[in-house]
C-alpha atoms as a PDB file:
ATOM      1  CA  MET A   1      92.588 121.604  86.420  1.00  0.00           C
ATOM      2  CA  SER A   2      96.001 121.255  84.786  1.00  0.00           C
ATOM      3  CA  ILE A   3      95.265 117.721  83.316  1.00  0.00           C
ATOM      4  CA  GLU A   4      91.740 116.388  82.499  1.00  0.00           C
ATOM      5  CA  VAL A   5      91.364 112.879  81.104  1.00  0.00           C
ATOM      6  CA  LYS A   6      87.831 111.675  80.396  1.00  0.00           C
ATOM      7  CA  ASN A   7      86.799 108.255  79.120  1.00  0.00           C
ATOM      8  CA  LEU A   8      90.125 107.729  77.244  1.00  0.00           C
ATOM      9  CA  PHE A   9      90.449 104.747  75.033  1.00  0.00           C
ATOM     10  CA  LYS A  10      93.509 103.826  72.923  1.00  0.00           C
ATOM     11  CA  TYR A  11      93.641 100.889  70.545  1.00  0.00           C
ATOM     12  CA  PHE A  12      96.504  99.405  68.696  1.00  0.00           C
ATOM     13  CA  GLY A  13      94.790  97.285  66.147  1.00  0.00           C
ATOM     14  CA  ASP A  14      92.169  95.255  67.993  1.00  0.00           C
ATOM     15  CA  GLN A  15      94.001  95.476  71.294  1.00  0.00           C
ATOM     16  CA  ALA A  16      92.912  98.037  73.775  1.00  0.00           C
ATOM     17  CA  ALA A  17      96.013  99.547  75.559  1.00  0.00           C
ATOM     18  CA  VAL A  18      93.915 102.008  77.571  1.00  0.00           C
ATOM     19  CA  LYS A  19      90.239 101.316  78.484  1.00  0.00           C
ATOM     20  CA  ASP A  20      87.904 104.105  79.564  1.00  0.00           C
ATOM     21  CA  VAL A  21      90.469 105.934  81.782  1.00  0.00           C
ATOM     22  CA  SER A  22      89.382 109.115  83.633  1.00  0.00           C
ATOM     23  CA  PHE A  23      91.271 111.220  86.131  1.00  0.00           C
ATOM     24  CA  ASN A  24      92.141 114.922  86.902  1.00  0.00           C
ATOM     25  CA  VAL A  25      95.323 116.406  88.201  1.00  0.00           C
ATOM     26  CA  LYS A  26      95.090 119.757  89.989  1.00  0.00           C
ATOM     27  CA  LYS A  27      97.579 122.634  89.587  1.00  0.00           C
ATOM     28  CA  GLY A  28     100.628 122.158  91.812  1.00  0.00           C
ATOM     29  CA  GLU A  29     100.097 118.489  92.438  1.00  0.00           C
ATOM     30  CA  ILE A  30     102.677 115.760  92.068  1.00  0.00           C
ATOM     31  CA  VAL A  31     100.966 112.540  91.032  1.00  0.00           C
ATOM     32  CA  GLY A  32     102.602 109.117  90.703  1.00  0.00           C
ATOM     33  CA  PHE A  33     101.227 107.082  87.832  1.00  0.00           C
ATOM     34  CA  LEU A  34     101.956 103.402  88.600  1.00  0.00           C
ATOM     35  CA  GLY A  35     101.302 100.139  86.914  1.00  0.00           C
ATOM     36  CA  PRO A  36     103.134  96.897  85.760  1.00  0.00           C
ATOM     37  CA  ASN A  37     104.817  96.735  82.421  1.00  0.00           C
ATOM     38  CA  GLY A  38     102.297  96.889  79.613  1.00  0.00           C
ATOM     39  CA  ALA A  39      99.514  98.450  81.849  1.00  0.00           C
ATOM     40  CA  GLY A  40      99.118 101.554  79.672  1.00  0.00           C
ATOM     41  CA  LYS A  41     101.191 104.157  81.624  1.00  0.00           C
ATOM     42  CA  SER A  42     103.390 105.259  78.746  1.00  0.00           C
ATOM     43  CA  THR A  43     100.484 105.151  76.277  1.00  0.00           C
ATOM     44  CA  THR A  44      98.375 107.400  78.468  1.00  0.00           C
ATOM     45  CA  MET A  45     101.259 109.778  78.969  1.00  0.00           C
ATOM     46  CA  LYS A  46     101.945 109.901  75.231  1.00  0.00           C
ATOM     47  CA  VAL A  47      98.268 110.765  74.567  1.00  0.00           C
ATOM     48  CA  ILE A  48      98.327 113.614  77.155  1.00  0.00           C
ATOM     49  CA  THR A  49     101.397 115.118  75.633  1.00  0.00           C
ATOM     50  CA  GLY A  50     100.004 114.832  72.047  1.00  0.00           C
ATOM     51  CA  TYR A  51     102.759 112.453  71.058  1.00  0.00           C
ATOM     52  CA  ILE A  52     100.053 110.013  69.882  1.00  0.00           C
ATOM     53  CA  SER A  53      96.278 110.432  69.338  1.00  0.00           C
ATOM     54  CA  ALA A  54      93.582 108.878  71.392  1.00  0.00           C
ATOM     55  CA  SER A  55      91.120 106.413  69.752  1.00  0.00           C
ATOM     56  CA  SER A  56      88.292 108.082  71.661  1.00  0.00           C
ATOM     57  CA  GLY A  57      87.709 110.209  74.810  1.00  0.00           C
ATOM     58  CA  GLU A  58      88.748 113.694  75.853  1.00  0.00           C
ATOM     59  CA  VAL A  59      92.129 115.011  77.035  1.00  0.00           C
ATOM     60  CA  LYS A  60      92.619 118.611  78.140  1.00  0.00           C
ATOM     61  CA  VAL A  61      95.815 120.258  79.407  1.00  0.00           C
ATOM     62  CA  CYS A  62      95.356 123.669  81.147  1.00  0.00           C
ATOM     63  CA  GLY A  63      91.832 123.708  79.768  1.00  0.00           C
ATOM     64  CA  MET A  64      92.962 123.101  76.125  1.00  0.00           C
ATOM     65  CA  PRO A  65      91.861 120.061  74.243  1.00  0.00           C
ATOM     66  CA  VAL A  66      94.978 118.180  73.138  1.00  0.00           C
ATOM     67  CA  THR A  67      93.438 116.946  69.894  1.00  0.00           C
ATOM     68  CA  VAL A  68      92.349 120.436  68.844  1.00  0.00           C
ATOM     69  CA  ASP A  69      95.237 122.615  70.109  1.00  0.00           C
ATOM     70  CA  SER A  70      98.149 120.120  70.079  1.00  0.00           C
ATOM     71  CA  LEU A  71     100.750 122.818  69.359  1.00  0.00           C
ATOM     72  CA  GLU A  72      99.386 125.173  71.962  1.00  0.00           C
ATOM     73  CA  THR A  73      99.231 122.394  74.661  1.00  0.00           C
ATOM     74  CA  ARG A  74     102.787 121.312  73.849  1.00  0.00           C
ATOM     75  CA  LYS A  75     103.930 124.841  74.715  1.00  0.00           C
ATOM     76  CA  VAL A  76     102.690 124.290  78.333  1.00  0.00           C
ATOM     77  CA  ILE A  77     103.925 120.781  78.667  1.00  0.00           C
ATOM     78  CA  GLY A  78     107.454 119.586  79.491  1.00  0.00           C
ATOM     79  CA  TYR A  79     107.981 115.948  78.608  1.00  0.00           C
ATOM     80  CA  LEU A  80     110.708 113.435  79.532  1.00  0.00           C
ATOM     81  CA  PRO A  81     110.002 110.140  77.708  1.00  0.00           C
ATOM     82  CA  GLU A  82     110.933 106.739  79.160  1.00  0.00           C
ATOM     83  CA  HIS A  83     113.781 106.402  76.699  1.00  0.00           C
ATOM     84  CA  ASN A  84     115.441 109.811  76.978  1.00  0.00           C
ATOM     85  CA  PRO A  85     116.141 110.833  73.329  1.00  0.00           C
ATOM     86  CA  LEU A  86     119.147 113.040  73.267  1.00  0.00           C
ATOM     87  CA  TYR A  87     121.612 114.056  70.433  1.00  0.00           C
ATOM     88  CA  LEU A  88     124.669 112.314  71.781  1.00  0.00           C
ATOM     89  CA  ASP A  89     127.046 114.207  69.528  1.00  0.00           C
ATOM     90  CA  MET A  90     125.948 117.664  70.782  1.00  0.00           C
ATOM     91  CA  TYR A  91     127.445 119.406  73.774  1.00  0.00           C
ATOM     92  CA  VAL A  92     125.230 120.019  76.762  1.00  0.00           C
ATOM     93  CA  LYS A  93     125.022 123.835  76.345  1.00  0.00           C
ATOM     94  CA  GLU A  94     124.620 123.414  72.663  1.00  0.00           C
ATOM     95  CA  TYR A  95     121.775 120.976  72.907  1.00  0.00           C
ATOM     96  CA  LEU A  96     119.864 123.106  75.475  1.00  0.00           C
ATOM     97  CA  THR A  97     120.306 126.164  73.322  1.00  0.00           C
ATOM     98  CA  PHE A  98     118.863 124.169  70.415  1.00  0.00           C
ATOM     99  CA  ILE A  99     115.859 122.989  72.389  1.00  0.00           C
ATOM    100  CA  GLY A 100     115.360 126.536  73.864  1.00  0.00           C
ATOM    101  CA  SER A 101     115.364 128.004  70.343  1.00  0.00           C
ATOM    102  CA  ILE A 102     112.675 125.598  69.116  1.00  0.00           C
ATOM    103  CA  TYR A 103     110.497 126.913  72.058  1.00  0.00           C
ATOM    104  CA  LYS A 104     111.583 130.516  71.093  1.00  0.00           C
ATOM    105  CA  VAL A 105     112.754 131.060  74.541  1.00  0.00           C
ATOM    106  CA  LYS A 106     113.793 134.722  75.322  1.00  0.00           C
ATOM    107  CA  ASN A 107     117.176 135.501  76.684  1.00  0.00           C
ATOM    108  CA  ILE A 108     118.211 131.972  75.789  1.00  0.00           C
ATOM    109  CA  LYS A 109     121.807 132.244  76.903  1.00  0.00           C
ATOM    110  CA  ASP A 110     120.737 133.233  80.461  1.00  0.00           C
ATOM    111  CA  LYS A 111     117.958 130.587  80.433  1.00  0.00           C
ATOM    112  CA  VAL A 112     120.428 127.767  79.440  1.00  0.00           C
ATOM    113  CA  ALA A 113     122.758 128.867  82.299  1.00  0.00           C
ATOM    114  CA  GLU A 114     119.811 128.859  84.653  1.00  0.00           C
ATOM    115  CA  MET A 115     118.784 125.213  83.748  1.00  0.00           C
ATOM    116  CA  ILE A 116     122.337 124.008  83.983  1.00  0.00           C
ATOM    117  CA  LYS A 117     122.512 125.395  87.543  1.00  0.00           C
ATOM    118  CA  LYS A 118     119.027 124.115  88.484  1.00  0.00           C
ATOM    119  CA  VAL A 119     119.615 120.609  87.522  1.00  0.00           C
ATOM    120  CA  GLY A 120     123.238 120.428  88.701  1.00  0.00           C
ATOM    121  CA  LEU A 121     125.007 120.174  85.351  1.00  0.00           C
ATOM    122  CA  GLU A 122     127.698 122.864  86.053  1.00  0.00           C
ATOM    123  CA  VAL A 123     130.620 120.399  86.093  1.00  0.00           C
ATOM    124  CA  GLU A 124     129.487 118.596  82.936  1.00  0.00           C
ATOM    125  CA  GLN A 125     128.126 121.456  80.856  1.00  0.00           C
ATOM    126  CA  ASN A 126     131.091 121.529  78.398  1.00  0.00           C
ATOM    127  CA  LYS A 127     130.989 117.832  77.635  1.00  0.00           C
ATOM    128  CA  LYS A 128     129.281 115.993  74.775  1.00  0.00           C
ATOM    129  CA  ILE A 129     126.071 114.323  75.887  1.00  0.00           C
ATOM    130  CA  GLY A 130     127.546 110.954  74.699  1.00  0.00           C
ATOM    131  CA  ALA A 131     130.262 111.248  77.280  1.00  0.00           C
ATOM    132  CA  LEU A 132     127.880 111.699  80.237  1.00  0.00           C
ATOM    133  CA  SER A 133     126.778 109.038  82.681  1.00  0.00           C
ATOM    134  CA  LYS A 134     123.148 107.853  82.835  1.00  0.00           C
ATOM    135  CA  GLY A 135     122.321 110.112  85.782  1.00  0.00           C
ATOM    136  CA  TYR A 136     123.707 113.320  84.088  1.00  0.00           C
ATOM    137  CA  ARG A 137     121.843 112.415  80.809  1.00  0.00           C
ATOM    138  CA  GLN A 138     118.610 112.291  82.889  1.00  0.00           C
ATOM    139  CA  ARG A 139     119.511 115.774  84.216  1.00  0.00           C
ATOM    140  CA  VAL A 140     119.893 117.004  80.632  1.00  0.00           C
ATOM    141  CA  GLY A 141     116.493 115.341  79.781  1.00  0.00           C
ATOM    142  CA  LEU A 142     114.959 117.216  82.724  1.00  0.00           C
ATOM    143  CA  ALA A 143     116.599 120.483  81.767  1.00  0.00           C
ATOM    144  CA  GLN A 144     115.154 120.202  78.144  1.00  0.00           C
ATOM    145  CA  ALA A 145     111.692 119.472  79.645  1.00  0.00           C
ATOM    146  CA  ILE A 146     111.581 122.528  81.796  1.00  0.00           C
ATOM    147  CA  ILE A 147     113.690 125.157  79.757  1.00  0.00           C
ATOM    148  CA  HIS A 148     110.507 126.728  78.292  1.00  0.00           C
ATOM    149  CA  ASP A 149     108.892 126.952  81.805  1.00  0.00           C
ATOM    150  CA  PRO A 150     105.943 124.664  81.203  1.00  0.00           C
ATOM    151  CA  GLU A 151     102.935 124.579  83.485  1.00  0.00           C
ATOM    152  CA  VAL A 152     102.776 120.745  83.356  1.00  0.00           C
ATOM    153  CA  LEU A 153     105.612 118.268  83.589  1.00  0.00           C
ATOM    154  CA  ILE A 154     105.183 114.695  82.378  1.00  0.00           C
ATOM    155  CA  LEU A 155     108.011 112.329  83.438  1.00  0.00           C
ATOM    156  CA  ASP A 156     108.104 108.752  82.334  1.00  0.00           C
ATOM    157  CA  GLU A 157     110.466 106.773  84.444  1.00  0.00           C
ATOM    158  CA  PRO A 158     112.644 109.690  85.352  1.00  0.00           C
ATOM    159  CA  THR A 159     114.931 107.751  87.676  1.00  0.00           C
ATOM    160  CA  SER A 160     115.341 104.521  85.599  1.00  0.00           C
ATOM    161  CA  GLY A 161     118.872 103.165  85.711  1.00  0.00           C
ATOM    162  CA  LEU A 162     120.156 105.643  88.316  1.00  0.00           C
ATOM    163  CA  ASP A 163     122.461 104.689  91.199  1.00  0.00           C
ATOM    164  CA  PRO A 164     121.204 105.310  94.864  1.00  0.00           C
ATOM    165  CA  ASN A 165     123.023 108.771  95.110  1.00  0.00           C
ATOM    166  CA  GLN A 166     121.564 109.819  91.749  1.00  0.00           C
ATOM    167  CA  LEU A 167     118.159 108.668  92.821  1.00  0.00           C
ATOM    168  CA  VAL A 168     118.187 110.997  95.870  1.00  0.00           C
ATOM    169  CA  GLU A 169     119.364 113.980  93.861  1.00  0.00           C
ATOM    170  CA  ILE A 170     116.826 113.520  91.083  1.00  0.00           C
ATOM    171  CA  ARG A 171     114.033 113.094  93.587  1.00  0.00           C
ATOM    172  CA  GLU A 172     114.926 116.303  95.331  1.00  0.00           C
ATOM    173  CA  LEU A 173     115.043 118.124  92.003  1.00  0.00           C
ATOM    174  CA  ILE A 174     111.578 116.786  90.934  1.00  0.00           C
ATOM    175  CA  ARG A 175     110.272 117.804  94.508  1.00  0.00           C
ATOM    176  CA  SER A 176     111.606 121.341  94.100  1.00  0.00           C
ATOM    177  CA  ILE A 177     110.070 121.563  90.541  1.00  0.00           C
ATOM    178  CA  GLY A 178     106.797 120.406  91.884  1.00  0.00           C
ATOM    179  CA  LYS A 179     106.508 123.328  94.159  1.00  0.00           C
ATOM    180  CA  GLU A 180     105.953 125.501  91.114  1.00  0.00           C
ATOM    181  CA  LYS A 181     104.432 123.129  88.578  1.00  0.00           C
ATOM    182  CA  THR A 182     102.177 120.258  88.011  1.00  0.00           C
ATOM    183  CA  VAL A 183     104.077 116.969  87.870  1.00  0.00           C
ATOM    184  CA  MET A 184     102.908 113.583  86.661  1.00  0.00           C
ATOM    185  CA  LEU A 185     105.455 110.761  86.837  1.00  0.00           C
ATOM    186  CA  SER A 186     105.550 107.154  86.215  1.00  0.00           C
ATOM    187  CA  THR A 187     107.834 104.764  88.103  1.00  0.00           C
ATOM    188  CA  HIS A 188     108.315 101.318  89.498  1.00  0.00           C
ATOM    189  CA  ILE A 189     110.067 102.525  92.608  1.00  0.00           C
ATOM    190  CA  MET A 190     107.519 102.681  95.444  1.00  0.00           C
ATOM    191  CA  GLN A 191     109.876 104.588  97.826  1.00  0.00           C
ATOM    192  CA  GLU A 192     110.022 107.263  95.195  1.00  0.00           C
ATOM    193  CA  VAL A 193     106.194 107.627  95.175  1.00  0.00           C
ATOM    194  CA  GLU A 194     106.032 107.676  98.936  1.00  0.00           C
ATOM    195  CA  ALA A 195     108.751 110.249  99.123  1.00  0.00           C
ATOM    196  CA  ILE A 196     107.547 112.865  96.587  1.00  0.00           C
ATOM    197  CA  CYS A 197     104.015 112.255  95.378  1.00  0.00           C
ATOM    198  CA  ASP A 198     100.799 113.892  96.736  1.00  0.00           C
ATOM    199  CA  ARG A 199      98.639 111.236  95.082  1.00  0.00           C
ATOM    200  CA  VAL A 200      98.876 107.898  93.460  1.00  0.00           C
ATOM    201  CA  ILE A 201      97.051 106.640  90.345  1.00  0.00           C
ATOM    202  CA  ILE A 202      97.406 102.871  89.650  1.00  0.00           C
ATOM    203  CA  ILE A 203      96.594 101.450  86.247  1.00  0.00           C
ATOM    204  CA  ASN A 204      96.342  97.727  85.438  1.00  0.00           C
ATOM    205  CA  LYS A 205      95.553  96.122  82.064  1.00  0.00           C
ATOM    206  CA  GLY A 206      94.606  99.588  80.711  1.00  0.00           C
ATOM    207  CA  GLU A 207      92.093 100.387  83.574  1.00  0.00           C
ATOM    208  CA  ILE A 208      92.461 102.561  86.704  1.00  0.00           C
ATOM    209  CA  VAL A 209      92.248 100.427  89.757  1.00  0.00           C
ATOM    210  CA  ALA A 210      93.193 103.051  92.428  1.00  0.00           C
ATOM    211  CA  ASP A 211      93.333 106.822  92.801  1.00  0.00           C
ATOM    212  CA  ASP A 212      94.127 108.129  96.298  1.00  0.00           C
ATOM    213  CA  THR A 213      96.992 109.277  98.525  1.00  0.00           C
ATOM    214  CA  ALA A 214      99.658 106.664  99.280  1.00  0.00           C
ATOM    215  CA  ALA A 215      98.839 106.821 102.917  1.00  0.00           C
ATOM    216  CA  HIS A 216      95.090 106.185 102.458  1.00  0.00           C
ATOM    217  CA  LEU A 217      95.765 103.351  99.959  1.00  0.00           C
ATOM    218  CA  GLN A 218      97.971 101.643 102.622  1.00  0.00           C
ATOM    219  CA  PHE A 219      95.223 101.728 105.202  1.00  0.00           C
ATOM    220  CA  SER A 220      92.289 101.040 102.903  1.00  0.00           C
ATOM    221  CA  SER A 221      93.503  97.859 101.137  1.00  0.00           C
ATOM    222  CA  ALA A 222      91.162  94.821 101.023  1.00  0.00           C
ATOM    223  CA  VAL A 223      93.112  92.928 103.698  1.00  0.00           C
ATOM    224  CA  GLN A 224      93.527  94.635 107.081  1.00  0.00           C
ATOM    225  CA  THR A 225      96.030  93.303 109.675  1.00  0.00           C
ATOM    226  CA  VAL A 226      96.028  94.027 113.427  1.00  0.00           C
ATOM    227  CA  TYR A 227      98.721  93.227 115.899  1.00  0.00           C
ATOM    228  CA  VAL A 228      97.421  92.592 119.430  1.00  0.00           C
ATOM    229  CA  GLU A 229      98.996  91.601 122.839  1.00  0.00           C
ATOM    230  CA  LEU A 230      96.648  90.389 125.474  1.00  0.00           C
ATOM    231  CA  GLU A 231      97.152  89.589 129.112  1.00  0.00           C
ATOM    232  CA  GLY A 232      95.294  86.580 130.307  1.00  0.00           C
ATOM    233  CA  THR A 233      94.408  83.040 129.392  1.00  0.00           C
ATOM    234  CA  LEU A 234      94.324  82.907 125.547  1.00  0.00           C
ATOM    235  CA  SER A 235      94.365  80.437 122.755  1.00  0.00           C
ATOM    236  CA  LYS A 236      94.327  80.427 118.926  1.00  0.00           C
ATOM    237  CA  ALA A 237      90.923  78.808 119.055  1.00  0.00           C
ATOM    238  CA  MET A 238      89.496  81.595 121.203  1.00  0.00           C
ATOM    239  CA  LEU A 239      90.846  84.218 118.678  1.00  0.00           C
ATOM    240  CA  LYS A 240      89.083  82.552 115.874  1.00  0.00           C
ATOM    241  CA  LYS A 241      85.819  83.609 117.528  1.00  0.00           C
ATOM    242  CA  ILE A 242      86.527  87.315 116.871  1.00  0.00           C
ATOM    243  CA  ASN A 243      84.164  88.564 114.185  1.00  0.00           C
ATOM    244  CA  GLY A 244      85.794  88.853 110.759  1.00  0.00           C
ATOM    245  CA  VAL A 245      89.151  87.207 111.599  1.00  0.00           C
ATOM    246  CA  ASN A 246      90.078  84.905 108.679  1.00  0.00           C
ATOM    247  CA  LYS A 247      93.813  84.354 109.541  1.00  0.00           C
ATOM    248  CA  ILE A 248      95.798  84.115 112.817  1.00  0.00           C
ATOM    249  CA  GLU A 249      99.513  84.006 113.274  1.00  0.00           C
ATOM    250  CA  GLN A 250     101.532  84.157 116.483  1.00  0.00           C
ATOM    251  CA  PHE A 251     104.166  86.915 116.289  1.00  0.00           C
ATOM    252  CA  LYS A 252     106.645  87.933 119.057  1.00  0.00           C
ATOM    253  CA  GLU A 253     104.726  88.446 122.275  1.00  0.00           C
ATOM    254  CA  GLY A 254     101.308  88.706 120.574  1.00  0.00           C
ATOM    255  CA  TRP A 255      99.229  87.826 117.504  1.00  0.00           C
ATOM    256  CA  LEU A 256      98.713  88.988 113.917  1.00  0.00           C
ATOM    257  CA  LEU A 257      95.031  88.875 113.008  1.00  0.00           C
ATOM    258  CA  GLU A 258      93.759  89.387 109.423  1.00  0.00           C
ATOM    259  CA  SER A 259      90.311  90.359 108.220  1.00  0.00           C
ATOM    260  CA  LEU A 260      88.613  90.855 104.779  1.00  0.00           C
ATOM    261  CA  LEU A 261      85.838  92.923 106.239  1.00  0.00           C
ATOM    262  CA  GLU A 262      85.672  96.702 105.800  1.00  0.00           C
ATOM    263  CA  ASP A 263      84.817  97.275 109.501  1.00  0.00           C
ATOM    264  CA  ASP A 264      87.769  98.200 111.724  1.00  0.00           C
ATOM    265  CA  LEU A 265      89.009  94.913 113.191  1.00  0.00           C
ATOM    266  CA  ARG A 266      90.432  96.800 116.310  1.00  0.00           C
ATOM    267  CA  LYS A 267      86.701  97.398 117.394  1.00  0.00           C
ATOM    268  CA  SER A 268      86.019  93.587 117.292  1.00  0.00           C
ATOM    269  CA  VAL A 269      89.294  92.816 119.148  1.00  0.00           C
ATOM    270  CA  SER A 270      88.379  95.350 121.876  1.00  0.00           C
ATOM    271  CA  LYS A 271      84.901  93.832 122.358  1.00  0.00           C
ATOM    272  CA  PHE A 272      86.413  90.353 122.415  1.00  0.00           C
ATOM    273  CA  ALA A 273      88.870  91.316 125.140  1.00  0.00           C
ATOM    274  CA  GLN A 274      86.156  92.971 127.220  1.00  0.00           C
ATOM    275  CA  GLU A 275      83.848  89.963 127.033  1.00  0.00           C
ATOM    276  CA  ASN A 276      86.616  87.575 127.948  1.00  0.00           C
ATOM    277  CA  ASP A 277      88.127  89.656 130.744  1.00  0.00           C
ATOM    278  CA  LEU A 278      91.415  90.091 128.921  1.00  0.00           C
ATOM    279  CA  LEU A 279      93.716  93.176 129.332  1.00  0.00           C
ATOM    280  CA  ILE A 280      94.839  94.712 126.088  1.00  0.00           C
ATOM    281  CA  VAL A 281      98.597  95.497 126.301  1.00  0.00           C
ATOM    282  CA  THR A 282      99.104  96.419 122.577  1.00  0.00           C
ATOM    283  CA  LEU A 283      96.606  96.979 119.831  1.00  0.00           C
ATOM    284  CA  ARG A 284      97.516  98.514 116.476  1.00  0.00           C
ATOM    285  CA  ARG A 285      96.557  98.335 112.826  1.00  0.00           C
ATOM    286  CA  GLU A 286      99.521  97.294 110.665  1.00  0.00           C
ATOM    287  CA  GLU A 287     100.253  99.595 107.748  1.00  0.00           C
ATOM    288  CA  LYS A 288     100.785  97.764 104.487  1.00  0.00           C
ATOM    289  CA  SER A 289     103.627  98.982 102.387  1.00  0.00           C
ATOM    290  CA  LEU A 290     102.686 100.621  99.080  1.00  0.00           C
ATOM    291  CA  GLU A 291     104.491  97.839  97.244  1.00  0.00           C
ATOM    292  CA  GLU A 292     102.113  95.258  98.950  1.00  0.00           C
ATOM    293  CA  VAL A 293      99.078  97.286  98.008  1.00  0.00           C
ATOM    294  CA  PHE A 294     100.467  97.620  94.447  1.00  0.00           C
ATOM    295  CA  LYS A 295     100.860  93.835  94.139  1.00  0.00           C
ATOM    296  CA  GLN A 296      97.436  93.223  95.587  1.00  0.00           C
ATOM    297  CA  LEU A 297      95.709  95.488  93.046  1.00  0.00           C
ATOM    298  CA  THR A 298      97.771  94.375  89.932  1.00  0.00           C
ATOM    299  CA  LYS A 299      98.336  90.638  90.611  1.00  0.00           C
END
């Protein structure tokens, strides 16, 4: 495993920011780490990177305990914090050379040129960082995070404040980086998670409330919705007799039925149609958006 977190607690005074959090991230996986503001995302990421210490629990990166080998683990981690800390008076190439020298990167001139090309900074490479737009500053942040060729990349809100074009470009960059490295990123943009993440971990009030693929979370939420069109004599009162249905809404040519039961509602609808001599024209389970699932788990 590239990242192993076991029974992690982090207290600030008497307040628990992270409560008994456990998860693993495999090598080559891109994992979206989601949660509302104040849920414990950034705190967990800071503990993983060794930026702050845990109150209790165990955190390993590439098999090494962060608390014991913090310097060694930092060598294999690339970290882009939520508030991208850059030296605004330094030039792009100067800054990346400085960061590379800290990591004792070999052939540093060639490596800086490679990073500039990889993150799309060629046009801006001779400017001061303070003169760059938000999008290009994020590119500099990504370049400094990967210049030492880390095995694990931790990105905290990497697309915060970017315009739609910059969003697409940075997503593509993260996706390409994810082919070679383990990536863990936090974001509030659900489309971003659906577009690039292999797995989703949702944290709320310091506790993990979901850990699965985005597709499975969308189909396994507590409320399932089925759309059905039936041919034959039908009324809302009749539909209420279907086992598990707790809400009915007429929609277009058919009906939207909701159920809180775990059993697949489509089976009950099929049985109902057969018993009442009704022809099923359309029957499908409606997929909830990841945003709806997120709201449901964190409200």
